[in-house]
PDB file of all heavy atoms in Angstrom:
ATOM      1  N   HIS A   1     -19.524  26.125  60.213  1.00  0.00           N
ATOM      2  CA  HIS A   1     -18.711  25.562  59.083  1.00  0.00           C
ATOM      3  C   HIS A   1     -17.260  25.603  59.423  1.00  0.00           C
ATOM      4  O   HIS A   1     -16.708  26.605  59.942  1.00  0.00           O
ATOM      5  CB  HIS A   1     -18.952  26.305  57.810  1.00  0.00           C
ATOM      6  CG  HIS A   1     -17.937  25.993  56.734  1.00  0.00           C
ATOM      7  ND1 HIS A   1     -16.957  26.854  56.374  1.00  0.00           N
ATOM      8  CD2 HIS A   1     -17.775  24.903  55.978  1.00  0.00           C
ATOM      9  CE1 HIS A   1     -16.240  26.295  55.379  1.00  0.00           C
ATOM     10  NE2 HIS A   1     -16.704  25.118  55.161  1.00  0.00           N
ATOM     11  N   SER A   2     -16.549  24.472  59.144  1.00  0.00           N
ATOM     12  CA  SER A   2     -15.085  24.435  59.180  1.00  0.00           C
ATOM     13  C   SER A   2     -14.541  23.690  58.042  1.00  0.00           C
ATOM     14  O   SER A   2     -15.103  22.628  57.666  1.00  0.00           O
ATOM     15  CB  SER A   2     -14.643  23.861  60.516  1.00  0.00           C
ATOM     16  OG  SER A   2     -13.182  23.688  60.497  1.00  0.00           O
ATOM     17  N   VAL A   3     -13.463  24.164  57.500  1.00  0.00           N
ATOM     18  CA  VAL A   3     -12.751  23.385  56.431  1.00  0.00           C
ATOM     19  C   VAL A   3     -12.094  22.159  56.977  1.00  0.00           C
ATOM     20  O   VAL A   3     -11.647  21.244  56.221  1.00  0.00           O
ATOM     21  CB  VAL A   3     -11.757  24.233  55.654  1.00  0.00           C
ATOM     22  CG1 VAL A   3     -12.447  25.330  54.943  1.00  0.00           C
ATOM     23  CG2 VAL A   3     -10.653  24.771  56.600  1.00  0.00           C
ATOM     24  N   GLY A   4     -11.939  22.067  58.327  1.00  0.00           N
ATOM     25  CA  GLY A   4     -11.413  20.858  58.915  1.00  0.00           C
ATOM     26  C   GLY A   4      -9.918  20.696  58.743  1.00  0.00           C
ATOM     27  O   GLY A   4      -9.451  19.539  58.572  1.00  0.00           O
ATOM     28  N   ALA A   5      -9.187  21.833  58.715  1.00  0.00           N
ATOM     29  CA  ALA A   5      -7.730  21.757  58.474  1.00  0.00           C
ATOM     30  C   ALA A   5      -7.047  22.648  59.449  1.00  0.00           C
ATOM     31  O   ALA A   5      -6.582  23.750  59.132  1.00  0.00           O
ATOM     32  CB  ALA A   5      -7.447  22.161  57.025  1.00  0.00           C
ATOM     33  N   PRO A   6      -6.923  22.276  60.753  1.00  0.00           N
ATOM     34  CA  PRO A   6      -6.278  23.084  61.750  1.00  0.00           C
ATOM     35  C   PRO A   6      -4.801  23.276  61.408  1.00  0.00           C
ATOM     36  O   PRO A   6      -4.182  22.418  60.769  1.00  0.00           O
ATOM     37  CB  PRO A   6      -6.458  22.315  63.039  1.00  0.00           C
ATOM     38  CG  PRO A   6      -6.632  20.905  62.614  1.00  0.00           C
ATOM     39  CD  PRO A   6      -7.380  20.975  61.319  1.00  0.00           C
ATOM     40  N   LEU A   7      -4.241  24.377  61.864  1.00  0.00           N
ATOM     41  CA  LEU A   7      -2.830  24.699  61.583  1.00  0.00           C
ATOM     42  C   LEU A   7      -2.009  24.589  62.912  1.00  0.00           C
ATOM     43  O   LEU A   7      -2.351  25.216  63.901  1.00  0.00           O
ATOM     44  CB  LEU A   7      -2.713  26.125  61.025  1.00  0.00           C
ATOM     45  CG  LEU A   7      -3.262  26.308  59.605  1.00  0.00           C
ATOM     46  CD1 LEU A   7      -3.238  27.819  59.315  1.00  0.00           C
ATOM     47  CD2 LEU A   7      -2.587  25.499  58.643  1.00  0.00           C
ATOM     48  N   ALA A   8      -0.941  23.816  62.801  1.00  0.00           N
ATOM     49  CA  ALA A   8       0.021  23.774  63.900  1.00  0.00           C
ATOM     50  C   ALA A   8       0.813  25.061  63.883  1.00  0.00           C
ATOM     51  O   ALA A   8       0.962  25.727  62.905  1.00  0.00           O
ATOM     52  CB  ALA A   8       0.923  22.571  63.812  1.00  0.00           C
ATOM     53  N   PRO A   9       1.427  25.474  65.042  1.00  0.00           N
ATOM     54  CA  PRO A   9       2.232  26.672  65.095  1.00  0.00           C
ATOM     55  C   PRO A   9       3.339  26.659  64.038  1.00  0.00           C
ATOM     56  O   PRO A   9       4.094  25.665  63.921  1.00  0.00           O
ATOM     57  CB  PRO A   9       2.820  26.652  66.533  1.00  0.00           C
ATOM     58  CG  PRO A   9       1.844  25.861  67.365  1.00  0.00           C
ATOM     59  CD  PRO A   9       1.328  24.812  66.362  1.00  0.00           C
ATOM     60  N   GLY A  10       3.351  27.736  63.188  1.00  0.00           N
ATOM     61  CA  GLY A  10       4.364  27.833  62.149  1.00  0.00           C
ATOM     62  C   GLY A  10       4.087  27.031  60.904  1.00  0.00           C
ATOM     63  O   GLY A  10       4.824  27.119  59.942  1.00  0.00           O
ATOM     64  N   GLU A  11       2.957  26.308  60.849  1.00  0.00           N
ATOM     65  CA  GLU A  11       2.639  25.494  59.698  1.00  0.00           C
ATOM     66  C   GLU A  11       2.044  26.386  58.621  1.00  0.00           C
ATOM     67  O   GLU A  11       1.237  27.266  58.856  1.00  0.00           O
ATOM     68  CB  GLU A  11       1.578  24.411  60.015  1.00  0.00           C
ATOM     69  CG  GLU A  11       1.199  23.489  58.916  1.00  0.00           C
ATOM     70  CD  GLU A  11       0.159  22.486  59.278  1.00  0.00           C
ATOM     71  OE1 GLU A  11      -0.312  22.539  60.445  1.00  0.00           O
ATOM     72  OE2 GLU A  11      -0.199  21.679  58.415  1.00  0.00           O
ATOM     73  N   ALA A  12       2.505  26.120  57.349  1.00  0.00           N
ATOM     74  CA  ALA A  12       2.020  26.931  56.200  1.00  0.00           C
ATOM     75  C   ALA A  12       0.613  26.466  55.826  1.00  0.00           C
ATOM     76  O   ALA A  12       0.235  25.268  55.935  1.00  0.00           O
ATOM     77  CB  ALA A  12       2.928  26.756  54.973  1.00  0.00           C
ATOM     78  N   ASP A  13      -0.232  27.406  55.449  1.00  0.00           N
ATOM     79  CA  ASP A  13      -1.645  27.068  55.081  1.00  0.00           C
ATOM     80  C   ASP A  13      -1.687  26.606  53.615  1.00  0.00           C
ATOM     81  O   ASP A  13      -0.889  26.968  52.790  1.00  0.00           O
ATOM     82  CB  ASP A  13      -2.474  28.317  55.238  1.00  0.00           C
ATOM     83  CG  ASP A  13      -3.973  27.995  55.317  1.00  0.00           C
ATOM     84  OD1 ASP A  13      -4.337  26.794  55.267  1.00  0.00           O
ATOM     85  OD2 ASP A  13      -4.818  28.934  55.416  1.00  0.00           O
ATOM     86  N   SER A  14      -2.710  25.783  53.331  1.00  0.00           N
ATOM     87  CA  SER A  14      -2.975  25.380  51.970  1.00  0.00           C
ATOM     88  C   SER A  14      -3.745  26.484  51.322  1.00  0.00           C
ATOM     89  O   SER A  14      -4.532  27.254  51.910  1.00  0.00           O
ATOM     90  CB  SER A  14      -3.802  24.053  51.993  1.00  0.00           C
ATOM     91  OG  SER A  14      -4.393  23.849  50.708  1.00  0.00           O
ATOM     92  N   THR A  15      -3.597  26.623  50.010  1.00  0.00           N
ATOM     93  CA  THR A  15      -4.379  27.657  49.319  1.00  0.00           C
ATOM     94  C   THR A  15      -5.877  27.286  49.237  1.00  0.00           C
ATOM     95  O   THR A  15      -6.688  28.168  49.103  1.00  0.00           O
ATOM     96  CB  THR A  15      -3.862  27.812  47.838  1.00  0.00           C
ATOM     97  OG1 THR A  15      -3.882  26.503  47.218  1.00  0.00           O
ATOM     98  CG2 THR A  15      -2.431  28.373  47.842  1.00  0.00           C
ATOM     99  N   TRP A  16      -6.207  25.990  49.335  1.00  0.00           N
ATOM    100  CA  TRP A  16      -7.603  25.563  49.447  1.00  0.00           C
ATOM    101  C   TRP A  16      -7.693  24.504  50.496  1.00  0.00           C
ATOM    102  O   TRP A  16      -7.665  23.258  50.171  1.00  0.00           O
ATOM    103  CB  TRP A  16      -8.161  25.069  48.099  1.00  0.00           C
ATOM    104  CG  TRP A  16      -9.622  24.777  48.179  1.00  0.00           C
ATOM    105  CD1 TRP A  16     -10.254  23.662  48.639  1.00  0.00           C
ATOM    106  CD2 TRP A  16     -10.718  25.682  47.771  1.00  0.00           C
ATOM    107  NE1 TRP A  16     -11.610  23.775  48.559  1.00  0.00           N
ATOM    108  CE2 TRP A  16     -11.929  24.987  48.022  1.00  0.00           C
ATOM    109  CE3 TRP A  16     -10.750  26.969  47.187  1.00  0.00           C
ATOM    110  CZ2 TRP A  16     -13.162  25.550  47.726  1.00  0.00           C
ATOM    111  CZ3 TRP A  16     -11.961  27.513  46.935  1.00  0.00           C
ATOM    112  CH2 TRP A  16     -13.179  26.795  47.226  1.00  0.00           C
ATOM    113  N   PRO A  17      -7.796  24.873  51.784  1.00  0.00           N
ATOM    114  CA  PRO A  17      -7.799  23.839  52.808  1.00  0.00           C
ATOM    115  C   PRO A  17      -9.124  23.115  52.787  1.00  0.00           C
ATOM    116  O   PRO A  17     -10.181  23.660  52.582  1.00  0.00           O
ATOM    117  CB  PRO A  17      -7.654  24.671  54.085  1.00  0.00           C
ATOM    118  CG  PRO A  17      -8.169  25.997  53.755  1.00  0.00           C
ATOM    119  CD  PRO A  17      -7.811  26.250  52.289  1.00  0.00           C
ATOM    120  N   CYS A  18      -9.049  21.764  53.010  1.00  0.00           N
ATOM    121  CA  CYS A  18     -10.230  20.959  53.122  1.00  0.00           C
ATOM    122  C   CYS A  18      -9.848  19.681  53.849  1.00  0.00           C
ATOM    123  O   CYS A  18      -8.668  19.453  54.184  1.00  0.00           O
ATOM    124  CB  CYS A  18     -10.928  20.691  51.814  1.00  0.00           C
ATOM    125  SG  CYS A  18      -9.897  19.707  50.643  1.00  0.00           S
ATOM    126  N   ASN A  19     -10.784  18.786  54.040  1.00  0.00           N
ATOM    127  CA  ASN A  19     -10.549  17.566  54.761  1.00  0.00           C
ATOM    128  C   ASN A  19     -11.112  16.412  53.945  1.00  0.00           C
ATOM    129  O   ASN A  19     -12.133  16.538  53.259  1.00  0.00           O
ATOM    130  CB  ASN A  19     -11.198  17.630  56.141  1.00  0.00           C
ATOM    131  CG  ASN A  19     -10.681  16.533  57.077  1.00  0.00           C
ATOM    132  OD1 ASN A  19     -10.904  15.317  56.840  1.00  0.00           O
ATOM    133  ND2 ASN A  19     -10.047  16.924  58.136  1.00  0.00           N
ATOM    134  N   SER A  20     -10.445  15.293  53.955  1.00  0.00           N
ATOM    135  CA  SER A  20     -10.939  14.116  53.191  1.00  0.00           C
ATOM    136  C   SER A  20     -12.277  13.656  53.781  1.00  0.00           C
ATOM    137  O   SER A  20     -13.087  13.069  53.065  1.00  0.00           O
ATOM    138  CB  SER A  20      -9.926  12.969  53.181  1.00  0.00           C
ATOM    139  OG  SER A  20      -9.625  12.577  54.525  1.00  0.00           O
ATOM    140  N   GLU A  21     -12.546  13.858  55.059  1.00  0.00           N
ATOM    141  CA  GLU A  21     -13.737  13.458  55.702  1.00  0.00           C
ATOM    142  C   GLU A  21     -14.701  14.700  55.675  1.00  0.00           C
ATOM    143  O   GLU A  21     -14.371  15.782  56.111  1.00  0.00           O
ATOM    144  CB  GLU A  21     -13.545  13.023  57.122  1.00  0.00           C
ATOM    145  CG  GLU A  21     -14.715  12.312  57.780  1.00  0.00           C
ATOM    146  CD  GLU A  21     -14.380  11.492  58.987  1.00  0.00           C
ATOM    147  OE1 GLU A  21     -13.178  11.608  59.427  1.00  0.00           O
ATOM    148  OE2 GLU A  21     -15.207  10.814  59.539  1.00  0.00           O
ATOM    149  N   LYS A  22     -15.903  14.492  55.168  1.00  0.00           N
ATOM    150  CA  LYS A  22     -16.809  15.581  54.950  1.00  0.00           C
ATOM    151  C   LYS A  22     -18.212  15.223  55.486  1.00  0.00           C
ATOM    152  O   LYS A  22     -18.728  14.103  55.312  1.00  0.00           O
ATOM    153  CB  LYS A  22     -16.950  15.995  53.511  1.00  0.00           C
ATOM    154  CG  LYS A  22     -15.611  16.538  52.904  1.00  0.00           C
ATOM    155  CD  LYS A  22     -15.787  16.812  51.426  1.00  0.00           C
ATOM    156  CE  LYS A  22     -14.516  17.511  50.877  1.00  0.00           C
ATOM    157  NZ  LYS A  22     -13.302  16.670  50.994  1.00  0.00           N
ATOM    158  N   TYR A  23     -18.869  16.157  56.176  1.00  0.00           N
ATOM    159  CA  TYR A  23     -20.199  16.024  56.696  1.00  0.00           C
ATOM    160  C   TYR A  23     -20.926  17.365  56.469  1.00  0.00           C
ATOM    161  O   TYR A  23     -20.425  18.412  56.874  1.00  0.00           O
ATOM    162  CB  TYR A  23     -20.234  15.655  58.163  1.00  0.00           C
ATOM    163  CG  TYR A  23     -19.808  14.259  58.500  1.00  0.00           C
ATOM    164  CD1 TYR A  23     -18.474  13.961  58.791  1.00  0.00           C
ATOM    165  CD2 TYR A  23     -20.737  13.234  58.495  1.00  0.00           C
ATOM    166  CE1 TYR A  23     -18.087  12.701  59.156  1.00  0.00           C
ATOM    167  CE2 TYR A  23     -20.355  11.920  58.787  1.00  0.00           C
ATOM    168  CZ  TYR A  23     -19.068  11.667  59.144  1.00  0.00           C
ATOM    169  OH  TYR A  23     -18.660  10.392  59.434  1.00  0.00           O
ATOM    170  N   ILE A  24     -22.175  17.250  55.895  1.00  0.00           N
ATOM    171  CA  ILE A  24     -23.062  18.439  55.805  1.00  0.00           C
ATOM    172  C   ILE A  24     -24.280  18.043  56.527  1.00  0.00           C
ATOM    173  O   ILE A  24     -25.138  17.244  55.995  1.00  0.00           O
ATOM    174  CB  ILE A  24     -23.335  18.836  54.299  1.00  0.00           C
ATOM    175  CG1 ILE A  24     -22.090  18.701  53.464  1.00  0.00           C
ATOM    176  CG2 ILE A  24     -23.932  20.227  54.269  1.00  0.00           C
ATOM    177  CD1 ILE A  24     -20.981  19.617  53.841  1.00  0.00           C
ATOM    178  N   CYS A  25     -24.573  18.545  57.753  1.00  0.00           N
ATOM    179  CA  CYS A  25     -25.563  18.004  58.609  1.00  0.00           C
ATOM    180  C   CYS A  25     -26.607  19.056  59.001  1.00  0.00           C
ATOM    181  O   CYS A  25     -26.232  20.211  59.392  1.00  0.00           O
ATOM    182  CB  CYS A  25     -24.936  17.434  59.871  1.00  0.00           C
ATOM    183  SG  CYS A  25     -23.694  16.173  59.555  1.00  0.00           S
ATOM    184  N   HIS A  26     -27.837  18.665  58.935  1.00  0.00           N
ATOM    185  CA  HIS A  26     -28.951  19.575  59.199  1.00  0.00           C
ATOM    186  C   HIS A  26     -29.799  18.971  60.350  1.00  0.00           C
ATOM    187  O   HIS A  26     -30.172  17.865  60.333  1.00  0.00           O
ATOM    188  CB  HIS A  26     -29.877  19.744  57.981  1.00  0.00           C
ATOM    189  CG  HIS A  26     -29.099  20.123  56.745  1.00  0.00           C
ATOM    190  ND1 HIS A  26     -28.284  19.198  56.062  1.00  0.00           N
ATOM    191  CD2 HIS A  26     -28.959  21.292  56.080  1.00  0.00           C
ATOM    192  CE1 HIS A  26     -27.750  19.832  54.994  1.00  0.00           C
ATOM    193  NE2 HIS A  26     -28.133  21.089  55.038  1.00  0.00           N
ATOM    194  N   PHE A  27     -30.063  19.845  61.345  1.00  0.00           N
ATOM    195  CA  PHE A  27     -30.821  19.427  62.511  1.00  0.00           C
ATOM    196  C   PHE A  27     -32.162  20.260  62.482  1.00  0.00           C
ATOM    197  O   PHE A  27     -32.233  21.399  63.025  1.00  0.00           O
ATOM    198  CB  PHE A  27     -30.054  19.685  63.816  1.00  0.00           C
ATOM    199  CG  PHE A  27     -28.760  18.911  63.881  1.00  0.00           C
ATOM    200  CD1 PHE A  27     -27.597  19.327  63.236  1.00  0.00           C
ATOM    201  CD2 PHE A  27     -28.685  17.682  64.556  1.00  0.00           C
ATOM    202  CE1 PHE A  27     -26.420  18.619  63.295  1.00  0.00           C
ATOM    203  CE2 PHE A  27     -27.530  16.957  64.618  1.00  0.00           C
ATOM    204  CZ  PHE A  27     -26.375  17.356  63.969  1.00  0.00           C
TER     205      PHE A  27
END
């Protein structure tokens, strides 16, 4: 699982990181 919101050096984090593109995949 990943929230899909990488952080650049020195970048402030979001209190609830997420991504507009979402996939929940089962193999």
